[in-house]
Amino acid sequence: MAIAVRSFDDVLPLLEGVAGVAATTPVRVESQGVEVCFVGQVELIRPLAEDSGVARFIERRGPGLHHIAYRVADVEAAMEALSAEGHRFTSEGPMVGAGGHRIAFMHPKSAGGVLVELVEAH
């Protein structure tokens, strides 16, 4: 699960206190236009620029739940299988996400209105 935030400082004290763990050091993912950190299994994403997709999301909806993520063994194979069932993706093929993981996003119109990320486990 990923939460879109304007600033990590807005939510880290609360989430670290609730989870009982410290956040990871933020990492820039230039290809996605975000900076990310994790508090346990929860990913926080902060836009790097005002014209990024996450910045537009926050502008339209405010900070909050951005997407859910599922681990898959092979992102490309999962994309092919889901595409064969009629599901759409936001890109033609896998991209590189945080931690160098191969990722893909299912279009919300194909997933009940929810942005779904597929993350290749390594």
N, C-alpha and C. Protein backbone atom coordinates (compact mmCIF):
# COMPACT_ATOMS: atom_id res chain seq x y z
N MET A 1 0.84 -1.15 0.00
CA MET A 1 0.00 0.00 0.00
C MET A 1 0.90 1.23 0.00
N ALA A 2 0.51 2.23 -0.77
CA ALA A 2 1.28 3.47 -0.83
C ALA A 2 0.37 4.65 -0.51
N ILE A 3 0.89 5.55 0.30
CA ILE A 3 0.18 6.76 0.68
C ILE A 3 0.90 7.94 0.05
N ALA A 4 0.16 8.75 -0.71
CA ALA A 4 0.72 9.96 -1.30
C ALA A 4 0.71 11.07 -0.25
N VAL A 5 1.85 11.74 -0.09
CA VAL A 5 1.97 12.80 0.91
C VAL A 5 2.66 14.02 0.28
N ARG A 6 2.36 15.18 0.83
CA ARG A 6 3.06 16.39 0.40
C ARG A 6 4.45 16.45 1.03
N SER A 7 4.53 15.95 2.28
CA SER A 7 5.76 15.98 3.05
C SER A 7 5.80 14.76 3.95
N PHE A 8 6.95 14.12 4.03
CA PHE A 8 7.09 12.98 4.94
C PHE A 8 6.89 13.43 6.39
N ASP A 9 7.34 14.63 6.70
CA ASP A 9 7.24 15.12 8.07
C ASP A 9 5.80 15.21 8.57
N ASP A 10 4.84 15.33 7.64
CA ASP A 10 3.43 15.43 8.02
C ASP A 10 2.91 14.15 8.67
N VAL A 11 3.45 13.00 8.28
CA VAL A 11 2.87 11.73 8.73
C VAL A 11 3.84 10.76 9.41
N LEU A 12 5.13 10.97 9.24
CA LEU A 12 6.09 10.00 9.81
C LEU A 12 5.98 9.83 11.32
N PRO A 13 5.87 10.90 12.11
CA PRO A 13 5.78 10.67 13.55
C PRO A 13 4.60 9.77 13.93
N LEU A 14 3.45 9.99 13.33
CA LEU A 14 2.28 9.17 13.62
C LEU A 14 2.50 7.72 13.20
N LEU A 15 2.91 7.50 11.95
CA LEU A 15 3.05 6.13 11.44
C LEU A 15 4.16 5.36 12.15
N GLU A 16 5.27 6.04 12.44
CA GLU A 16 6.35 5.37 13.18
C GLU A 16 5.88 4.98 14.58
N GLY A 17 5.12 5.86 15.21
CA GLY A 17 4.61 5.56 16.54
C GLY A 17 3.63 4.40 16.54
N VAL A 18 2.73 4.38 15.57
CA VAL A 18 1.74 3.31 15.47
C VAL A 18 2.42 1.98 15.12
N ALA A 19 3.33 2.02 14.14
CA ALA A 19 3.98 0.79 13.68
C ALA A 19 5.08 0.31 14.63
N GLY A 20 5.63 1.23 15.41
CA GLY A 20 6.71 0.85 16.31
C GLY A 20 8.03 0.62 15.62
N VAL A 21 8.17 1.16 14.41
CA VAL A 21 9.42 1.04 13.66
C VAL A 21 9.75 2.39 13.03
N ALA A 22 11.04 2.60 12.81
CA ALA A 22 11.48 3.83 12.16
C ALA A 22 11.32 3.70 10.65
N ALA A 23 11.09 4.83 10.01
CA ALA A 23 10.99 4.86 8.54
C ALA A 23 12.36 4.61 7.94
N THR A 24 12.34 4.05 6.74
CA THR A 24 13.59 3.90 6.00
C THR A 24 14.04 5.27 5.51
N THR A 25 15.28 5.38 5.14
CA THR A 25 15.79 6.62 4.57
C THR A 25 15.11 6.86 3.22
N PRO A 26 14.59 8.06 2.99
CA PRO A 26 13.94 8.33 1.70
C PRO A 26 14.90 8.13 0.53
N VAL A 27 14.35 7.60 -0.56
CA VAL A 27 15.10 7.34 -1.79
C VAL A 27 14.37 7.98 -2.95
N ARG A 28 15.11 8.66 -3.80
CA ARG A 28 14.51 9.27 -4.99
C ARG A 28 14.36 8.21 -6.08
N VAL A 29 13.20 8.17 -6.70
CA VAL A 29 12.95 7.30 -7.85
C VAL A 29 12.60 8.24 -9.00
N GLU A 30 13.65 8.71 -9.65
CA GLU A 30 13.49 9.73 -10.70
C GLU A 30 12.54 9.28 -11.81
N SER A 31 12.61 7.98 -12.16
CA SER A 31 11.78 7.48 -13.26
C SER A 31 10.29 7.59 -12.95
N GLN A 32 9.93 7.61 -11.67
CA GLN A 32 8.53 7.72 -11.26
C GLN A 32 8.19 9.13 -10.78
N GLY A 33 9.20 9.99 -10.67
CA GLY A 33 8.98 11.36 -10.22
C GLY A 33 8.62 11.47 -8.75
N VAL A 34 9.13 10.54 -7.94
CA VAL A 34 8.79 10.53 -6.52
C VAL A 34 10.02 10.26 -5.66
N GLU A 35 9.85 10.55 -4.38
CA GLU A 35 10.77 10.12 -3.35
C GLU A 35 9.95 9.18 -2.47
N VAL A 36 10.54 8.06 -2.06
CA VAL A 36 9.79 7.07 -1.29
C VAL A 36 10.53 6.70 -0.01
N CYS A 37 9.75 6.34 0.99
CA CYS A 37 10.29 5.70 2.18
C CYS A 37 9.23 4.72 2.66
N PHE A 38 9.63 3.82 3.52
CA PHE A 38 8.72 2.80 4.03
C PHE A 38 8.68 2.87 5.55
N VAL A 39 7.49 2.66 6.10
CA VAL A 39 7.30 2.47 7.53
C VAL A 39 6.66 1.09 7.63
N GLY A 40 7.48 0.10 7.97
CA GLY A 40 7.01 -1.28 7.90
C GLY A 40 6.69 -1.60 6.44
N GLN A 41 5.49 -2.10 6.19
CA GLN A 41 5.07 -2.46 4.83
C GLN A 41 4.37 -1.32 4.09
N VAL A 42 4.23 -0.17 4.75
CA VAL A 42 3.53 0.97 4.13
C VAL A 42 4.54 1.87 3.44
N GLU A 43 4.30 2.12 2.16
CA GLU A 43 5.15 3.00 1.36
C GLU A 43 4.57 4.40 1.37
N LEU A 44 5.42 5.38 1.61
CA LEU A 44 5.02 6.78 1.49
C LEU A 44 5.66 7.33 0.23
N ILE A 45 4.88 8.02 -0.59
CA ILE A 45 5.41 8.60 -1.82
C ILE A 45 5.18 10.11 -1.81
N ARG A 46 6.25 10.83 -2.11
CA ARG A 46 6.21 12.29 -2.15
C ARG A 46 6.63 12.73 -3.54
N PRO A 47 5.84 13.59 -4.18
CA PRO A 47 6.20 14.02 -5.53
C PRO A 47 7.47 14.86 -5.52
N LEU A 48 8.28 14.71 -6.57
CA LEU A 48 9.49 15.51 -6.71
C LEU A 48 9.22 16.82 -7.44
N ALA A 49 8.14 16.86 -8.21
CA ALA A 49 7.82 18.07 -8.99
C ALA A 49 6.31 18.28 -8.99
N GLU A 50 5.91 19.52 -9.13
CA GLU A 50 4.49 19.87 -9.10
C GLU A 50 3.71 19.33 -10.30
N ASP A 51 4.40 18.95 -11.37
CA ASP A 51 3.71 18.44 -12.56
C ASP A 51 3.75 16.92 -12.67
N SER A 52 4.16 16.24 -11.59
CA SER A 52 4.23 14.77 -11.62
C SER A 52 2.84 14.17 -11.40
N GLY A 53 2.71 12.90 -11.72
CA GLY A 53 1.45 12.20 -11.53
C GLY A 53 1.00 12.19 -10.08
N VAL A 54 1.92 12.00 -9.15
CA VAL A 54 1.55 11.98 -7.73
C VAL A 54 1.14 13.38 -7.27
N ALA A 55 1.81 14.41 -7.77
CA ALA A 55 1.43 15.78 -7.41
C ALA A 55 0.02 16.08 -7.92
N ARG A 56 -0.29 15.63 -9.13
CA ARG A 56 -1.64 15.84 -9.68
C ARG A 56 -2.66 15.06 -8.86
N PHE A 57 -2.32 13.85 -8.44
CA PHE A 57 -3.20 13.06 -7.58
C PHE A 57 -3.52 13.82 -6.29
N ILE A 58 -2.50 14.35 -5.63
CA ILE A 58 -2.70 15.08 -4.38
C ILE A 58 -3.52 16.34 -4.63
N GLU A 59 -3.27 17.02 -5.73
CA GLU A 59 -4.03 18.23 -6.05
C GLU A 59 -5.52 17.92 -6.21
N ARG A 60 -5.83 16.81 -6.88
CA ARG A 60 -7.24 16.44 -7.13
C ARG A 60 -7.91 15.85 -5.90
N ARG A 61 -7.20 14.98 -5.20
CA ARG A 61 -7.85 14.20 -4.13
C ARG A 61 -7.33 14.48 -2.73
N GLY A 62 -6.22 15.18 -2.64
CA GLY A 62 -5.59 15.40 -1.35
C GLY A 62 -4.69 14.22 -1.01
N PRO A 63 -3.88 14.36 0.03
CA PRO A 63 -3.01 13.25 0.45
C PRO A 63 -3.87 12.05 0.86
N GLY A 64 -3.33 10.87 0.66
CA GLY A 64 -4.04 9.67 1.07
C GLY A 64 -3.63 8.46 0.28
N LEU A 65 -4.43 7.42 0.40
CA LEU A 65 -4.14 6.15 -0.26
C LEU A 65 -4.01 6.37 -1.76
N HIS A 66 -2.87 5.98 -2.30
CA HIS A 66 -2.59 6.16 -3.73
C HIS A 66 -2.75 4.85 -4.49
N HIS A 67 -2.17 3.77 -4.00
CA HIS A 67 -2.30 2.48 -4.67
C HIS A 67 -2.02 1.33 -3.71
N ILE A 68 -2.41 0.14 -4.15
CA ILE A 68 -2.06 -1.07 -3.41
C ILE A 68 -1.10 -1.86 -4.28
N ALA A 69 -0.25 -2.65 -3.65
CA ALA A 69 0.77 -3.38 -4.39
C ALA A 69 0.71 -4.87 -4.06
N TYR A 70 0.97 -5.66 -5.07
CA TYR A 70 1.03 -7.11 -4.92
C TYR A 70 2.36 -7.61 -5.48
N ARG A 71 2.99 -8.51 -4.75
CA ARG A 71 4.23 -9.13 -5.23
C ARG A 71 3.87 -10.23 -6.22
N VAL A 72 4.62 -10.29 -7.30
CA VAL A 72 4.46 -11.35 -8.29
C VAL A 72 5.84 -11.90 -8.62
N ALA A 73 5.88 -13.14 -9.07
CA ALA A 73 7.17 -13.77 -9.40
C ALA A 73 7.79 -13.16 -10.65
N ASP A 74 6.95 -12.83 -11.64
CA ASP A 74 7.43 -12.31 -12.93
C ASP A 74 6.44 -11.25 -13.40
N VAL A 75 6.85 -10.01 -13.31
CA VAL A 75 5.94 -8.90 -13.66
C VAL A 75 5.50 -8.97 -15.12
N GLU A 76 6.41 -9.28 -16.01
CA GLU A 76 6.07 -9.33 -17.44
C GLU A 76 5.05 -10.44 -17.72
N ALA A 77 5.24 -11.60 -17.12
CA ALA A 77 4.30 -12.71 -17.31
C ALA A 77 2.93 -12.35 -16.72
N ALA A 78 2.93 -11.69 -15.57
CA ALA A 78 1.67 -11.27 -14.96
C ALA A 78 0.95 -10.26 -15.85
N MET A 79 1.70 -9.33 -16.44
CA MET A 79 1.10 -8.35 -17.35
C MET A 79 0.48 -9.04 -18.56
N GLU A 80 1.20 -10.01 -19.11
CA GLU A 80 0.68 -10.72 -20.28
C GLU A 80 -0.61 -11.47 -19.94
N ALA A 81 -0.62 -12.17 -18.81
CA ALA A 81 -1.80 -12.94 -18.41
C ALA A 81 -2.99 -12.02 -18.14
N LEU A 82 -2.75 -10.93 -17.43
CA LEU A 82 -3.85 -10.00 -17.12
C LEU A 82 -4.32 -9.26 -18.37
N SER A 83 -3.40 -8.91 -19.26
CA SER A 83 -3.78 -8.26 -20.52
C SER A 83 -4.65 -9.19 -21.35
N ALA A 84 -4.32 -10.48 -21.35
CA ALA A 84 -5.11 -11.47 -22.10
C ALA A 84 -6.54 -11.55 -21.57
N GLU A 85 -6.72 -11.21 -20.28
CA GLU A 85 -8.05 -11.20 -19.67
C GLU A 85 -8.76 -9.87 -19.90
N GLY A 86 -8.10 -8.93 -20.60
CA GLY A 86 -8.72 -7.65 -20.90
C GLY A 86 -8.34 -6.50 -19.99
N HIS A 87 -7.43 -6.73 -19.06
CA HIS A 87 -7.01 -5.66 -18.15
C HIS A 87 -5.99 -4.76 -18.84
N ARG A 88 -6.02 -3.48 -18.49
CA ARG A 88 -5.12 -2.50 -19.10
C ARG A 88 -4.07 -2.06 -18.08
N PHE A 89 -2.95 -1.60 -18.61
CA PHE A 89 -1.85 -1.11 -17.78
C PHE A 89 -1.52 0.32 -18.18
N THR A 90 -0.82 1.02 -17.29
CA THR A 90 -0.46 2.41 -17.56
C THR A 90 0.80 2.52 -18.41
N SER A 91 1.47 1.41 -18.67
CA SER A 91 2.67 1.39 -19.51
C SER A 91 2.64 0.13 -20.37
N GLU A 92 3.42 0.14 -21.42
CA GLU A 92 3.49 -1.00 -22.33
C GLU A 92 4.21 -2.20 -21.72
N GLY A 93 5.14 -1.93 -20.83
CA GLY A 93 5.92 -3.01 -20.21
C GLY A 93 6.35 -2.61 -18.82
N PRO A 94 7.10 -3.49 -18.16
CA PRO A 94 7.57 -3.21 -16.81
C PRO A 94 8.47 -1.98 -16.75
N MET A 95 8.46 -1.33 -15.59
CA MET A 95 9.32 -0.17 -15.31
C MET A 95 10.17 -0.52 -14.10
N VAL A 96 11.11 0.35 -13.78
CA VAL A 96 11.93 0.16 -12.59
C VAL A 96 11.39 1.07 -11.50
N GLY A 97 11.10 0.48 -10.33
CA GLY A 97 10.58 1.23 -9.20
C GLY A 97 11.58 1.30 -8.07
N ALA A 98 11.09 1.62 -6.89
CA ALA A 98 11.93 1.74 -5.70
C ALA A 98 12.69 0.44 -5.45
N GLY A 99 13.91 0.57 -5.04
CA GLY A 99 14.74 -0.60 -4.73
C GLY A 99 15.16 -1.38 -5.96
N GLY A 100 14.93 -0.81 -7.16
CA GLY A 100 15.30 -1.48 -8.39
C GLY A 100 14.35 -2.59 -8.80
N HIS A 101 13.20 -2.71 -8.10
CA HIS A 101 12.21 -3.73 -8.45
C HIS A 101 11.55 -3.41 -9.78
N ARG A 102 11.29 -4.44 -10.57
CA ARG A 102 10.49 -4.26 -11.78
C ARG A 102 9.03 -4.15 -11.35
N ILE A 103 8.34 -3.15 -11.90
CA ILE A 103 6.96 -2.89 -11.49
C ILE A 103 6.09 -2.61 -12.71
N ALA A 104 4.80 -2.68 -12.50
CA ALA A 104 3.81 -2.26 -13.50
C ALA A 104 2.55 -1.85 -12.75
N PHE A 105 1.84 -0.88 -13.31
CA PHE A 105 0.60 -0.43 -12.71
C PHE A 105 -0.58 -0.80 -13.59
N MET A 106 -1.57 -1.46 -13.00
CA MET A 106 -2.83 -1.73 -13.71
C MET A 106 -3.63 -0.43 -13.69
N HIS A 107 -4.25 -0.11 -14.81
CA HIS A 107 -5.07 1.10 -14.88
C HIS A 107 -6.26 0.94 -13.93
N PRO A 108 -6.60 1.98 -13.17
CA PRO A 108 -7.73 1.87 -12.24
C PRO A 108 -9.04 1.44 -12.90
N LYS A 109 -9.24 1.78 -14.16
CA LYS A 109 -10.47 1.38 -14.85
C LYS A 109 -10.53 -0.13 -15.06
N SER A 110 -9.39 -0.79 -14.94
CA SER A 110 -9.34 -2.25 -15.09
C SER A 110 -9.35 -2.97 -13.74
N ALA A 111 -9.33 -2.20 -12.66
CA ALA A 111 -9.18 -2.83 -11.34
C ALA A 111 -10.16 -2.23 -10.32
N GLY A 112 -11.38 -2.05 -10.74
CA GLY A 112 -12.41 -1.59 -9.81
C GLY A 112 -12.18 -0.20 -9.27
N GLY A 113 -11.49 0.65 -10.03
CA GLY A 113 -11.25 2.02 -9.60
C GLY A 113 -10.04 2.19 -8.71
N VAL A 114 -9.24 1.13 -8.52
CA VAL A 114 -8.06 1.18 -7.66
C VAL A 114 -6.80 1.04 -8.52
N LEU A 115 -5.81 1.89 -8.28
CA LEU A 115 -4.52 1.73 -8.94
C LEU A 115 -3.82 0.56 -8.27
N VAL A 116 -3.47 -0.47 -9.04
CA VAL A 116 -2.82 -1.67 -8.52
C VAL A 116 -1.43 -1.77 -9.10
N GLU A 117 -0.45 -1.90 -8.21
CA GLU A 117 0.95 -2.06 -8.63
C GLU A 117 1.33 -3.53 -8.51
N LEU A 118 1.97 -4.04 -9.54
CA LEU A 118 2.57 -5.38 -9.49
C LEU A 118 4.06 -5.18 -9.28
N VAL A 119 4.62 -5.84 -8.28
CA VAL A 119 6.03 -5.68 -7.92
C VAL A 119 6.69 -7.04 -8.03
N GLU A 120 7.72 -7.12 -8.86
CA GLU A 120 8.44 -8.38 -9.03
C GLU A 120 9.33 -8.61 -7.82
N ALA A 121 9.12 -9.74 -7.16
CA ALA A 121 9.93 -10.11 -6.00
C ALA A 121 11.29 -10.56 -6.48
N HIS A 122 12.33 -10.14 -5.75
CA HIS A 122 13.65 -10.68 -6.06
C HIS A 122 14.27 -11.33 -4.89
